Amino acid sequence: PQVTSKFIAIPTGSTLYTERWHVGAVTPSLIVVCVHGLGGSSQIFYPTIKPLLSLLPNAHILAYDQAGSALSPPTNYGATPLSVAHMLADLDALLAAEAPAGPLVVVAHSAGTMLVARWLL
């Protein structure tokens, strides 16, 4: 698989480290977004990337480190501490920038599943 790593500044004020994996399709037929849990990182998904791409060769896999996790620096939200609302806003902004057109599949781990469940509401 090929991977493109980059930092993306999003409108919420966060700068998120992202990795986009694929096996050849420049324009994906599907984007799989990976959301890690608290204290985790995008690396939790490394063992699943090759198997997913073998099943979905025209897909792109987008994994990111949430603000303040691993390679993404903490975000200064002013006087307000980091909250689920901030993490949801970051996820929305990331998807608007990196996956604006569907279809989209979201894979989550640990507390990332709670974040995604809230995002789906």
PDB file of N, CA and C in Angstrom:
ATOM      1  N   PRO A   1       0.827  -1.210   0.000  1.00  0.00           N
ATOM      2  CA  PRO A   1       0.000   0.000   0.000  1.00  0.00           C
ATOM      3  C   PRO A   1       0.862   1.262   0.000  1.00  0.00           C
ATOM      4  N   GLN A   2       0.324   2.296  -0.590  1.00  0.00           N
ATOM      5  CA  GLN A   2       0.969   3.605  -0.568  1.00  0.00           C
ATOM      6  C   GLN A   2       0.330   4.430   0.541  1.00  0.00           C
ATOM      7  N   VAL A   3       1.143   5.278   1.170  1.00  0.00           N
ATOM      8  CA  VAL A   3       0.612   6.135   2.233  1.00  0.00           C
ATOM      9  C   VAL A   3       1.083   7.562   2.009  1.00  0.00           C
ATOM     10  N   THR A   4       0.183   8.488   2.255  1.00  0.00           N
ATOM     11  CA  THR A   4       0.509   9.908   2.249  1.00  0.00           C
ATOM     12  C   THR A   4       0.222  10.433   3.645  1.00  0.00           C
ATOM     13  N   SER A   5       1.244  10.974   4.286  1.00  0.00           N
ATOM     14  CA  SER A   5       1.099  11.533   5.631  1.00  0.00           C
ATOM     15  C   SER A   5       1.167  13.043   5.546  1.00  0.00           C
ATOM     16  N   LYS A   6       0.302  13.708   6.297  1.00  0.00           N
ATOM     17  CA  LYS A   6       0.360  15.170   6.321  1.00  0.00           C
ATOM     18  C   LYS A   6      -0.340  15.711   7.560  1.00  0.00           C
ATOM     19  N   PHE A   7      -0.020  16.943   7.878  1.00  0.00           N
ATOM     20  CA  PHE A   7      -0.721  17.688   8.914  1.00  0.00           C
ATOM     21  C   PHE A   7      -1.722  18.588   8.210  1.00  0.00           C
ATOM     22  N   ILE A   8      -2.940  18.619   8.702  1.00  0.00           N
ATOM     23  CA  ILE A   8      -3.959  19.466   8.101  1.00  0.00           C
ATOM     24  C   ILE A   8      -4.523  20.405   9.160  1.00  0.00           C
ATOM     25  N   ALA A   9      -4.493  21.692   8.860  1.00  0.00           N
ATOM     26  CA  ALA A   9      -5.087  22.699   9.740  1.00  0.00           C
ATOM     27  C   ALA A   9      -6.558  22.814   9.362  1.00  0.00           C
ATOM     28  N   ILE A  10      -7.424  22.632  10.340  1.00  0.00           N
ATOM     29  CA  ILE A  10      -8.858  22.676  10.066  1.00  0.00           C
ATOM     30  C   ILE A  10      -9.481  23.904  10.735  1.00  0.00           C
ATOM     31  N   PRO A  11     -10.665  24.305  10.304  1.00  0.00           N
ATOM     32  CA  PRO A  11     -11.273  25.543  10.800  1.00  0.00           C
ATOM     33  C   PRO A  11     -11.534  25.603  12.309  1.00  0.00           C
ATOM     34  N   THR A  12     -11.525  24.478  12.991  1.00  0.00           N
ATOM     35  CA  THR A  12     -11.753  24.493  14.442  1.00  0.00           C
ATOM     36  C   THR A  12     -10.549  25.039  15.201  1.00  0.00           C
ATOM     37  N   GLY A  13      -9.420  25.181  14.505  1.00  0.00           N
ATOM     38  CA  GLY A  13      -8.182  25.613  15.154  1.00  0.00           C
ATOM     39  C   GLY A  13      -7.230  24.462  15.411  1.00  0.00           C
ATOM     40  N   SER A  14      -7.697  23.248  15.208  1.00  0.00           N
ATOM     41  CA  SER A  14      -6.848  22.072  15.402  1.00  0.00           C
ATOM     42  C   SER A  14      -5.980  21.833  14.172  1.00  0.00           C
ATOM     43  N   THR A  15      -4.821  21.241  14.412  1.00  0.00           N
ATOM     44  CA  THR A  15      -3.973  20.721  13.349  1.00  0.00           C
ATOM     45  C   THR A  15      -3.886  19.222  13.576  1.00  0.00           C
ATOM     46  N   LEU A  16      -4.357  18.459  12.618  1.00  0.00           N
ATOM     47  CA  LEU A  16      -4.445  17.011  12.782  1.00  0.00           C
ATOM     48  C   LEU A  16      -3.459  16.301  11.859  1.00  0.00           C
ATOM     49  N   TYR A  17      -2.769  15.316  12.418  1.00  0.00           N
ATOM     50  CA  TYR A  17      -1.890  14.451  11.629  1.00  0.00           C
ATOM     51  C   TYR A  17      -2.767  13.398  10.974  1.00  0.00           C
ATOM     52  N   THR A  18      -2.614  13.230   9.655  1.00  0.00           N
ATOM     53  CA  THR A  18      -3.420  12.255   8.924  1.00  0.00           C
ATOM     54  C   THR A  18      -2.534  11.337   8.091  1.00  0.00           C
ATOM     55  N   GLU A  19      -3.036  10.159   7.854  1.00  0.00           N
ATOM     56  CA  GLU A  19      -2.415   9.203   6.936  1.00  0.00           C
ATOM     57  C   GLU A  19      -3.507   8.676   6.020  1.00  0.00           C
ATOM     58  N   ARG A  20      -3.241   8.724   4.716  1.00  0.00           N
ATOM     59  CA  ARG A  20      -4.192   8.195   3.731  1.00  0.00           C
ATOM     60  C   ARG A  20      -3.501   7.041   3.011  1.00  0.00           C
ATOM     61  N   TRP A  21      -4.089   5.862   3.132  1.00  0.00           N
ATOM     62  CA  TRP A  21      -3.539   4.638   2.558  1.00  0.00           C
ATOM     63  C   TRP A  21      -4.370   4.216   1.350  1.00  0.00           C
ATOM     64  N   HIS A  22      -3.699   3.694   0.319  1.00  0.00           N
ATOM     65  CA  HIS A  22      -4.404   3.132  -0.833  1.00  0.00           C
ATOM     66  C   HIS A  22      -3.451   2.223  -1.597  1.00  0.00           C
ATOM     67  N   VAL A  23      -4.022   1.444  -2.513  1.00  0.00           N
ATOM     68  CA  VAL A  23      -3.200   0.522  -3.303  1.00  0.00           C
ATOM     69  C   VAL A  23      -3.146   0.891  -4.779  1.00  0.00           C
ATOM     70  N   GLY A  24      -3.688   2.015  -5.140  1.00  0.00           N
ATOM     71  CA  GLY A  24      -3.578   2.405  -6.536  1.00  0.00           C
ATOM     72  C   GLY A  24      -4.638   3.374  -7.002  1.00  0.00           C
ATOM     73  N   ALA A  25      -5.835   3.258  -6.505  1.00  0.00           N
ATOM     74  CA  ALA A  25      -6.915   4.126  -6.967  1.00  0.00           C
ATOM     75  C   ALA A  25      -6.661   5.567  -6.531  1.00  0.00           C
ATOM     76  N   VAL A  26      -6.473   6.451  -7.515  1.00  0.00           N
ATOM     77  CA  VAL A  26      -6.261   7.863  -7.197  1.00  0.00           C
ATOM     78  C   VAL A  26      -7.561   8.470  -6.681  1.00  0.00           C
ATOM     79  N   THR A  27      -8.656   8.143  -7.358  1.00  0.00           N
ATOM     80  CA  THR A  27      -9.974   8.580  -6.913  1.00  0.00           C
ATOM     81  C   THR A  27     -10.662   7.383  -6.268  1.00  0.00           C
ATOM     82  N   PRO A  28     -10.895   7.439  -4.965  1.00  0.00           N
ATOM     83  CA  PRO A  28     -11.450   6.273  -4.281  1.00  0.00           C
ATOM     84  C   PRO A  28     -12.935   6.070  -4.563  1.00  0.00           C
ATOM     85  N   SER A  29     -13.349   4.814  -4.533  1.00  0.00           N
ATOM     86  CA  SER A  29     -14.771   4.493  -4.629  1.00  0.00           C
ATOM     87  C   SER A  29     -15.419   4.546  -3.251  1.00  0.00           C
ATOM     88  N   LEU A  30     -14.580   4.558  -2.220  1.00  0.00           N
ATOM     89  CA  LEU A  30     -15.038   4.522  -0.831  1.00  0.00           C
ATOM     90  C   LEU A  30     -13.908   5.060   0.039  1.00  0.00           C
ATOM     91  N   ILE A  31     -14.252   5.790   1.085  1.00  0.00           N
ATOM     92  CA  ILE A  31     -13.248   6.224   2.054  1.00  0.00           C
ATOM     93  C   ILE A  31     -13.592   5.599   3.393  1.00  0.00           C
ATOM     94  N   VAL A  32     -12.626   4.918   3.967  1.00  0.00           N
ATOM     95  CA  VAL A  32     -12.765   4.324   5.294  1.00  0.00           C
ATOM     96  C   VAL A  32     -12.027   5.238   6.263  1.00  0.00           C
ATOM     97  N   VAL A  33     -12.745   5.816   7.203  1.00  0.00           N
ATOM     98  CA  VAL A  33     -12.158   6.730   8.182  1.00  0.00           C
ATOM     99  C   VAL A  33     -11.976   5.979   9.492  1.00  0.00           C
ATOM    100  N   CYS A  34     -10.777   6.062  10.055  1.00  0.00           N
ATOM    101  CA  CYS A  34     -10.438   5.350  11.289  1.00  0.00           C
ATOM    102  C   CYS A  34     -10.327   6.345  12.442  1.00  0.00           C
ATOM    103  N   VAL A  35     -11.106   6.112  13.505  1.00  0.00           N
ATOM    104  CA  VAL A  35     -11.148   7.002  14.668  1.00  0.00           C
ATOM    105  C   VAL A  35     -10.665   6.219  15.889  1.00  0.00           C
ATOM    106  N   HIS A  36      -9.548   6.652  16.460  1.00  0.00           N
ATOM    107  CA  HIS A  36      -8.979   5.948  17.615  1.00  0.00           C
ATOM    108  C   HIS A  36      -9.634   6.398  18.918  1.00  0.00           C
ATOM    109  N   GLY A  37      -9.334   5.676  19.986  1.00  0.00           N
ATOM    110  CA  GLY A  37      -9.864   6.008  21.306  1.00  0.00           C
ATOM    111  C   GLY A  37      -8.987   7.001  22.045  1.00  0.00           C
ATOM    112  N   LEU A  38      -9.425   7.371  23.245  1.00  0.00           N
ATOM    113  CA  LEU A  38      -8.673   8.317  24.067  1.00  0.00           C
ATOM    114  C   LEU A  38      -7.305   7.748  24.413  1.00  0.00           C
ATOM    115  N   GLY A  39      -6.293   8.582  24.286  1.00  0.00           N
ATOM    116  CA  GLY A  39      -4.936   8.151  24.592  1.00  0.00           C
ATOM    117  C   GLY A  39      -4.328   7.284  23.510  1.00  0.00           C
ATOM    118  N   GLY A  40      -5.048   7.079  22.436  1.00  0.00           N
ATOM    119  CA  GLY A  40      -4.562   6.237  21.357  1.00  0.00           C
ATOM    120  C   GLY A  40      -3.994   7.054  20.215  1.00  0.00           C
ATOM    121  N   SER A  41      -3.848   6.397  19.084  1.00  0.00           N
ATOM    122  CA  SER A  41      -3.356   7.067  17.885  1.00  0.00           C
ATOM    123  C   SER A  41      -3.809   6.280  16.664  1.00  0.00           C
ATOM    124  N   SER A  42      -3.544   6.844  15.517  1.00  0.00           N
ATOM    125  CA  SER A  42      -3.892   6.175  14.264  1.00  0.00           C
ATOM    126  C   SER A  42      -3.162   4.840  14.113  1.00  0.00           C
ATOM    127  N   GLN A  43      -2.068   4.671  14.828  1.00  0.00           N
ATOM    128  CA  GLN A  43      -1.284   3.433  14.713  1.00  0.00           C
ATOM    129  C   GLN A  43      -2.057   2.195  15.161  1.00  0.00           C
ATOM    130  N   ILE A  44      -3.104   2.371  15.953  1.00  0.00           N
ATOM    131  CA  ILE A  44      -3.893   1.224  16.406  1.00  0.00           C
ATOM    132  C   ILE A  44      -4.504   0.483  15.206  1.00  0.00           C
ATOM    133  N   PHE A  45      -4.645   1.186  14.090  1.00  0.00           N
ATOM    134  CA  PHE A  45      -5.271   0.593  12.906  1.00  0.00           C
ATOM    135  C   PHE A  45      -4.277  -0.038  11.937  1.00  0.00           C
ATOM    136  N   TYR A  46      -2.977   0.094  12.186  1.00  0.00           N
ATOM    137  CA  TYR A  46      -1.978  -0.440  11.256  1.00  0.00           C
ATOM    138  C   TYR A  46      -2.200  -1.911  10.902  1.00  0.00           C
ATOM    139  N   PRO A  47      -2.527  -2.789  11.869  1.00  0.00           N
ATOM    140  CA  PRO A  47      -2.715  -4.200  11.503  1.00  0.00           C
ATOM    141  C   PRO A  47      -3.913  -4.455  10.579  1.00  0.00           C
ATOM    142  N   THR A  48      -4.833  -3.509  10.489  1.00  0.00           N
ATOM    143  CA  THR A  48      -6.031  -3.723   9.669  1.00  0.00           C
ATOM    144  C   THR A  48      -5.938  -3.108   8.276  1.00  0.00           C
ATOM    145  N   ILE A  49      -4.931  -2.283   8.032  1.00  0.00           N
ATOM    146  CA  ILE A  49      -4.880  -1.542   6.769  1.00  0.00           C
ATOM    147  C   ILE A  49      -4.702  -2.464   5.563  1.00  0.00           C
ATOM    148  N   LYS A  50      -3.715  -3.346   5.582  1.00  0.00           N
ATOM    149  CA  LYS A  50      -3.508  -4.239   4.433  1.00  0.00           C
ATOM    150  C   LYS A  50      -4.706  -5.155   4.199  1.00  0.00           C
ATOM    151  N   PRO A  51      -5.258  -5.795   5.257  1.00  0.00           N
ATOM    152  CA  PRO A  51      -6.442  -6.628   5.017  1.00  0.00           C
ATOM    153  C   PRO A  51      -7.635  -5.844   4.453  1.00  0.00           C
ATOM    154  N   LEU A  52      -7.850  -4.629   4.956  1.00  0.00           N
ATOM    155  CA  LEU A  52      -8.953  -3.819   4.426  1.00  0.00           C
ATOM    156  C   LEU A  52      -8.741  -3.482   2.955  1.00  0.00           C
ATOM    157  N   LEU A  53      -7.516  -3.095   2.611  1.00  0.00           N
ATOM    158  CA  LEU A  53      -7.243  -2.742   1.220  1.00  0.00           C
ATOM    159  C   LEU A  53      -7.271  -3.956   0.291  1.00  0.00           C
ATOM    160  N   SER A  54      -6.991  -5.142   0.826  1.00  0.00           N
ATOM    161  CA  SER A  54      -7.106  -6.331  -0.025  1.00  0.00           C
ATOM    162  C   SER A  54      -8.581  -6.641  -0.307  1.00  0.00           C
ATOM    163  N   LEU A  55      -9.452  -6.318   0.641  1.00  0.00           N
ATOM    164  CA  LEU A  55     -10.891  -6.510   0.441  1.00  0.00           C
ATOM    165  C   LEU A  55     -11.519  -5.368  -0.361  1.00  0.00           C
ATOM    166  N   LEU A  56     -10.959  -4.168  -0.202  1.00  0.00           N
ATOM    167  CA  LEU A  56     -11.508  -2.960  -0.827  1.00  0.00           C
ATOM    168  C   LEU A  56     -10.407  -2.239  -1.611  1.00  0.00           C
ATOM    169  N   PRO A  57      -9.931  -2.816  -2.720  1.00  0.00           N
ATOM    170  CA  PRO A  57      -8.765  -2.261  -3.414  1.00  0.00           C
ATOM    171  C   PRO A  57      -8.975  -0.870  -4.012  1.00  0.00           C
ATOM    172  N   ASN A  58     -10.212  -0.453  -4.193  1.00  0.00           N
ATOM    173  CA  ASN A  58     -10.475   0.885  -4.737  1.00  0.00           C
ATOM    174  C   ASN A  58     -10.786   1.907  -3.654  1.00  0.00           C
ATOM    175  N   ALA A  59     -10.606   1.514  -2.419  1.00  0.00           N
ATOM    176  CA  ALA A  59     -10.879   2.412  -1.293  1.00  0.00           C
ATOM    177  C   ALA A  59      -9.615   3.148  -0.873  1.00  0.00           C
ATOM    178  N   HIS A  60      -9.806   4.220  -0.155  1.00  0.00           N
ATOM    179  CA  HIS A  60      -8.736   4.898   0.570  1.00  0.00           C
ATOM    180  C   HIS A  60      -9.053   4.753   2.044  1.00  0.00           C
ATOM    181  N   ILE A  61      -8.028   4.570   2.851  1.00  0.00           N
ATOM    182  CA  ILE A  61      -8.194   4.511   4.299  1.00  0.00           C
ATOM    183  C   ILE A  61      -7.581   5.772   4.872  1.00  0.00           C
ATOM    184  N   LEU A  62      -8.386   6.518   5.614  1.00  0.00           N
ATOM    185  CA  LEU A  62      -7.955   7.768   6.226  1.00  0.00           C
ATOM    186  C   LEU A  62      -7.929   7.588   7.736  1.00  0.00           C
ATOM    187  N   ALA A  63      -6.733   7.638   8.303  1.00  0.00           N
ATOM    188  CA  ALA A  63      -6.576   7.546   9.755  1.00  0.00           C
ATOM    189  C   ALA A  63      -5.991   8.865  10.240  1.00  0.00           C
ATOM    190  N   TYR A  64      -6.397   9.288  11.430  1.00  0.00           N
ATOM    191  CA  TYR A  64      -5.881  10.549  11.954  1.00  0.00           C
ATOM    192  C   TYR A  64      -5.652  10.444  13.451  1.00  0.00           C
ATOM    193  N   ASP A  65      -4.777  11.310  13.945  1.00  0.00           N
ATOM    194  CA  ASP A  65      -4.557  11.434  15.382  1.00  0.00           C
ATOM    195  C   ASP A  65      -5.405  12.601  15.866  1.00  0.00           C
ATOM    196  N   GLN A  66      -6.256  12.344  16.841  1.00  0.00           N
ATOM    197  CA  GLN A  66      -7.087  13.413  17.383  1.00  0.00           C
ATOM    198  C   GLN A  66      -6.214  14.476  18.048  1.00  0.00           C
ATOM    199  N   ALA A  67      -6.736  15.679  18.178  1.00  0.00           N
ATOM    200  CA  ALA A  67      -5.986  16.789  18.772  1.00  0.00           C
ATOM    201  C   ALA A  67      -5.420  16.388  20.132  1.00  0.00           C
ATOM    202  N   GLY A  68      -4.124  16.600  20.305  1.00  0.00           N
ATOM    203  CA  GLY A  68      -3.456  16.273  21.564  1.00  0.00           C
ATOM    204  C   GLY A  68      -3.042  14.822  21.689  1.00  0.00           C
ATOM    205  N   SER A  69      -3.274  14.029  20.658  1.00  0.00           N
ATOM    206  CA  SER A  69      -2.900  12.614  20.673  1.00  0.00           C
ATOM    207  C   SER A  69      -1.775  12.368  19.674  1.00  0.00           C
ATOM    208  N   ALA A  70      -0.790  11.596  20.101  1.00  0.00           N
ATOM    209  CA  ALA A  70       0.321  11.175  19.232  1.00  0.00           C
ATOM    210  C   ALA A  70       0.935  12.361  18.495  1.00  0.00           C
ATOM    211  N   LEU A  71       0.816  12.412  17.167  1.00  0.00           N
ATOM    212  CA  LEU A  71       1.493  13.444  16.382  1.00  0.00           C
ATOM    213  C   LEU A  71       0.683  14.729  16.193  1.00  0.00           C
ATOM    214  N   SER A  72      -0.577  14.734  16.602  1.00  0.00           N
ATOM    215  CA  SER A  72      -1.384  15.961  16.502  1.00  0.00           C
ATOM    216  C   SER A  72      -1.188  16.794  17.760  1.00  0.00           C
ATOM    217  N   PRO A  73      -0.786  18.053  17.591  1.00  0.00           N
ATOM    218  CA  PRO A  73      -0.565  18.888  18.776  1.00  0.00           C
ATOM    219  C   PRO A  73      -1.877  19.213  19.485  1.00  0.00           C
ATOM    220  N   PRO A  74      -1.787  19.540  20.783  1.00  0.00           N
ATOM    221  CA  PRO A  74      -2.996  19.968  21.499  1.00  0.00           C
ATOM    222  C   PRO A  74      -3.547  21.246  20.867  1.00  0.00           C
ATOM    223  N   THR A  75      -4.838  21.412  20.961  1.00  0.00           N
ATOM    224  CA  THR A  75      -5.493  22.605  20.437  1.00  0.00           C
ATOM    225  C   THR A  75      -5.849  23.514  21.594  1.00  0.00           C
ATOM    226  N   ASN A  76      -5.630  24.793  21.414  1.00  0.00           N
ATOM    227  CA  ASN A  76      -6.023  25.767  22.423  1.00  0.00           C
ATOM    228  C   ASN A  76      -7.464  26.173  22.151  1.00  0.00           C
ATOM    229  N   TYR A  77      -8.372  25.659  22.959  1.00  0.00           N
ATOM    230  CA  TYR A  77      -9.783  25.990  22.808  1.00  0.00           C
ATOM    231  C   TYR A  77     -10.169  27.173  23.693  1.00  0.00           C
ATOM    232  N   GLY A  78      -9.193  27.971  24.077  1.00  0.00           N
ATOM    233  CA  GLY A  78      -9.467  29.110  24.945  1.00  0.00           C
ATOM    234  C   GLY A  78      -9.699  28.647  26.368  1.00  0.00           C
ATOM    235  N   ALA A  79     -10.683  29.210  27.009  1.00  0.00           N
ATOM    236  CA  ALA A  79     -10.963  28.890  28.409  1.00  0.00           C
ATOM    237  C   ALA A  79     -11.715  27.573  28.561  1.00  0.00           C
ATOM    238  N   THR A  80     -12.147  26.997  27.448  1.00  0.00           N
ATOM    239  CA  THR A  80     -12.936  25.773  27.501  1.00  0.00           C
ATOM    240  C   THR A  80     -12.026  24.552  27.373  1.00  0.00           C
ATOM    241  N   PRO A  81     -12.128  23.593  28.290  1.00  0.00           N
ATOM    242  CA  PRO A  81     -11.313  22.377  28.159  1.00  0.00           C
ATOM    243  C   PRO A  81     -11.791  21.523  26.980  1.00  0.00           C
ATOM    244  N   LEU A  82     -10.924  20.634  26.530  1.00  0.00           N
ATOM    245  CA  LEU A  82     -11.279  19.719  25.453  1.00  0.00           C
ATOM    246  C   LEU A  82     -12.552  18.968  25.827  1.00  0.00           C
ATOM    247  N   SER A  83     -13.447  18.830  24.886  1.00  0.00           N
ATOM    248  CA  SER A  83     -14.726  18.170  25.148  1.00  0.00           C
ATOM    249  C   SER A  83     -15.115  17.299  23.957  1.00  0.00           C
ATOM    250  N   VAL A  84     -16.157  16.511  24.154  1.00  0.00           N
ATOM    251  CA  VAL A  84     -16.696  15.711  23.061  1.00  0.00           C
ATOM    252  C   VAL A  84     -17.143  16.630  21.923  1.00  0.00           C
ATOM    253  N   ALA A  85     -17.713  17.776  22.263  1.00  0.00           N
ATOM    254  CA  ALA A  85     -18.143  18.730  21.231  1.00  0.00           C
ATOM    255  C   ALA A  85     -16.964  19.172  20.370  1.00  0.00           C
ATOM    256  N   HIS A  86     -15.806  19.409  20.993  1.00  0.00           N
ATOM    257  CA  HIS A  86     -14.616  19.786  20.224  1.00  0.00           C
ATOM    258  C   HIS A  86     -14.167  18.639  19.319  1.00  0.00           C
ATOM    259  N   MET A  87     -14.156  17.422  19.863  1.00  0.00           N
ATOM    260  CA  MET A  87     -13.726  16.271  19.059  1.00  0.00           C
ATOM    261  C   MET A  87     -14.678  16.031  17.891  1.00  0.00           C
ATOM    262  N   LEU A  88     -15.985  16.242  18.113  1.00  0.00           N
ATOM    263  CA  LEU A  88     -16.963  16.102  17.033  1.00  0.00           C
ATOM    264  C   LEU A  88     -16.760  17.172  15.965  1.00  0.00           C
ATOM    265  N   ALA A  89     -16.494  18.395  16.398  1.00  0.00           N
ATOM    266  CA  ALA A  89     -16.241  19.481  15.445  1.00  0.00           C
ATOM    267  C   ALA A  89     -14.988  19.192  14.624  1.00  0.00           C
ATOM    268  N   ASP A  90     -13.954  18.652  15.281  1.00  0.00           N
ATOM    269  CA  ASP A  90     -12.731  18.281  14.556  1.00  0.00           C
ATOM    270  C   ASP A  90     -13.024  17.195  13.522  1.00  0.00           C
ATOM    271  N   LEU A  91     -13.799  16.180  13.912  1.00  0.00           N
ATOM    272  CA  LEU A  91     -14.135  15.095  12.983  1.00  0.00           C
ATOM    273  C   LEU A  91     -14.934  15.637  11.799  1.00  0.00           C
ATOM    274  N   ASP A  92     -15.924  16.477  12.070  1.00  0.00           N
ATOM    275  CA  ASP A  92     -16.707  17.087  10.988  1.00  0.00           C
ATOM    276  C   ASP A  92     -15.814  17.869  10.028  1.00  0.00           C
ATOM    277  N   ALA A  93     -14.935  18.693  10.591  1.00  0.00           N
ATOM    278  CA  ALA A  93     -14.058  19.528   9.763  1.00  0.00           C
ATOM    279  C   ALA A  93     -13.079  18.679   8.959  1.00  0.00           C
ATOM    280  N   LEU A  94     -12.547  17.629   9.577  1.00  0.00           N
ATOM    281  CA  LEU A  94     -11.634  16.733   8.863  1.00  0.00           C
ATOM    282  C   LEU A  94     -12.343  16.070   7.688  1.00  0.00           C
ATOM    283  N   LEU A  95     -13.545  15.566   7.930  1.00  0.00           N
ATOM    284  CA  LEU A  95     -14.284  14.901   6.856  1.00  0.00           C
ATOM    285  C   LEU A  95     -14.663  15.877   5.745  1.00  0.00           C
ATOM    286  N   ALA A  96     -15.006  17.099   6.105  1.00  0.00           N
ATOM    287  CA  ALA A  96     -15.323  18.105   5.086  1.00  0.00           C
ATOM    288  C   ALA A  96     -14.107  18.386   4.204  1.00  0.00           C
ATOM    289  N   ALA A  97     -12.925  18.355   4.805  1.00  0.00           N
ATOM    290  CA  ALA A  97     -11.698  18.645   4.059  1.00  0.00           C
ATOM    291  C   ALA A  97     -11.168  17.444   3.289  1.00  0.00           C
ATOM    292  N   GLU A  98     -11.235  16.271   3.883  1.00  0.00           N
ATOM    293  CA  GLU A  98     -10.554  15.101   3.319  1.00  0.00           C
ATOM    294  C   GLU A  98     -11.483  14.059   2.704  1.00  0.00           C
ATOM    295  N   ALA A  99     -12.767  14.119   3.008  1.00  0.00           N
ATOM    296  CA  ALA A  99     -13.713  13.139   2.468  1.00  0.00           C
ATOM    297  C   ALA A  99     -15.053  13.818   2.197  1.00  0.00           C
ATOM    298  N   PRO A 100     -15.057  14.876   1.361  1.00  0.00           N
ATOM    299  CA  PRO A 100     -16.281  15.659   1.190  1.00  0.00           C
ATOM    300  C   PRO A 100     -17.408  14.935   0.450  1.00  0.00           C
ATOM    301  N   ALA A 101     -17.066  13.942  -0.358  1.00  0.00           N
ATOM    302  CA  ALA A 101     -18.089  13.210  -1.101  1.00  0.00           C
ATOM    303  C   ALA A 101     -18.041  11.744  -0.694  1.00  0.00           C
ATOM    304  N   GLY A 102     -19.187  11.135  -0.516  1.00  0.00           N
ATOM    305  CA  GLY A 102     -19.252   9.740  -0.095  1.00  0.00           C
ATOM    306  C   GLY A 102     -18.897   8.808  -1.234  1.00  0.00           C
ATOM    307  N   PRO A 103     -19.063   7.553  -1.016  1.00  0.00           N
ATOM    308  CA  PRO A 103     -19.507   6.949   0.240  1.00  0.00           C
ATOM    309  C   PRO A 103     -18.390   6.886   1.278  1.00  0.00           C
ATOM    310  N   LEU A 104     -18.828   6.725   2.513  1.00  0.00           N
ATOM    311  CA  LEU A 104     -17.928   6.788   3.656  1.00  0.00           C
ATOM    312  C   LEU A 104     -18.260   5.658   4.622  1.00  0.00           C
ATOM    313  N   VAL A 105     -17.225   5.020   5.147  1.00  0.00           N
ATOM    314  CA  VAL A 105     -17.363   4.025   6.206  1.00  0.00           C
ATOM    315  C   VAL A 105     -16.493   4.500   7.352  1.00  0.00           C
ATOM    316  N   VAL A 106     -17.002   4.409   8.567  1.00  0.00           N
ATOM    317  CA  VAL A 106     -16.228   4.832   9.730  1.00  0.00           C
ATOM    318  C   VAL A 106     -15.942   3.614  10.592  1.00  0.00           C
ATOM    319  N   VAL A 107     -14.666   3.429  10.928  1.00  0.00           N
ATOM    320  CA  VAL A 107     -14.215   2.346  11.801  1.00  0.00           C
ATOM    321  C   VAL A 107     -13.648   3.004  13.048  1.00  0.00           C
ATOM    322  N   ALA A 108     -14.030   2.505  14.213  1.00  0.00           N
ATOM    323  CA  ALA A 108     -13.576   3.142  15.453  1.00  0.00           C
ATOM    324  C   ALA A 108     -13.091   2.105  16.448  1.00  0.00           C
ATOM    325  N   HIS A 109     -12.261   2.572  17.379  1.00  0.00           N
ATOM    326  CA  HIS A 109     -11.695   1.721  18.417  1.00  0.00           C
ATOM    327  C   HIS A 109     -11.945   2.356  19.774  1.00  0.00           C
ATOM    328  N   SER A 110     -12.332   1.550  20.737  1.00  0.00           N
ATOM    329  CA  SER A 110     -12.455   1.968  22.130  1.00  0.00           C
ATOM    330  C   SER A 110     -13.357   3.198  22.250  1.00  0.00           C
ATOM    331  N   ALA A 111     -12.879   4.248  22.915  1.00  0.00           N
ATOM    332  CA  ALA A 111     -13.700   5.447  23.107  1.00  0.00           C
ATOM    333  C   ALA A 111     -14.008   6.150  21.788  1.00  0.00           C
ATOM    334  N   GLY A 112     -13.258   5.824  20.745  1.00  0.00           N
ATOM    335  CA  GLY A 112     -13.579   6.357  19.425  1.00  0.00           C
ATOM    336  C   GLY A 112     -14.955   5.905  18.962  1.00  0.00           C
ATOM    337  N   THR A 113     -15.400   4.726  19.428  1.00  0.00           N
ATOM    338  CA  THR A 113     -16.735   4.249  19.056  1.00  0.00           C
ATOM    339  C   THR A 113     -17.819   5.137  19.659  1.00  0.00           C
ATOM    340  N   MET A 114     -17.594   5.615  20.882  1.00  0.00           N
ATOM    341  CA  MET A 114     -18.574   6.519  21.499  1.00  0.00           C
ATOM    342  C   MET A 114     -18.618   7.847  20.754  1.00  0.00           C
ATOM    343  N   LEU A 115     -17.456   8.323  20.330  1.00  0.00           N
ATOM    344  CA  LEU A 115     -17.399   9.568  19.577  1.00  0.00           C
ATOM    345  C   LEU A 115     -18.145   9.415  18.250  1.00  0.00           C
ATOM    346  N   VAL A 116     -17.906   8.324  17.561  1.00  0.00           N
ATOM    347  CA  VAL A 116     -18.566   8.089  16.276  1.00  0.00           C
ATOM    348  C   VAL A 116     -20.072   7.908  16.468  1.00  0.00           C
ATOM    349  N   ALA A 117     -20.483   7.200  17.518  1.00  0.00           N
ATOM    350  CA  ALA A 117     -21.917   7.037  17.781  1.00  0.00           C
ATOM    351  C   ALA A 117     -22.577   8.397  17.984  1.00  0.00           C
ATOM    352  N   ARG A 118     -21.924   9.267  18.713  1.00  0.00           N
ATOM    353  CA  ARG A 118     -22.454  10.620  18.934  1.00  0.00           C
ATOM    354  C   ARG A 118     -22.469  11.410  17.621  1.00  0.00           C
ATOM    355  N   TRP A 119     -21.433  11.248  16.816  1.00  0.00           N
ATOM    356  CA  TRP A 119     -21.350  11.933  15.528  1.00  0.00           C
ATOM    357  C   TRP A 119     -22.499  11.500  14.617  1.00  0.00           C
ATOM    358  N   LEU A 120     -22.864  10.225  14.672  1.00  0.00           N
ATOM    359  CA  LEU A 120     -23.941   9.711  13.832  1.00  0.00           C
ATOM    360  C   LEU A 120     -25.311  10.246  14.233  1.00  0.00           C
ATOM    361  N   LEU A 121     -25.434  10.669  15.481  1.00  0.00           N
ATOM    362  CA  LEU A 121     -26.720  11.225  15.928  1.00  0.00           C
ATOM    363  C   LEU A 121     -26.859  12.591  15.364  1.00  0.00           C
TER     364      LEU A 121
END
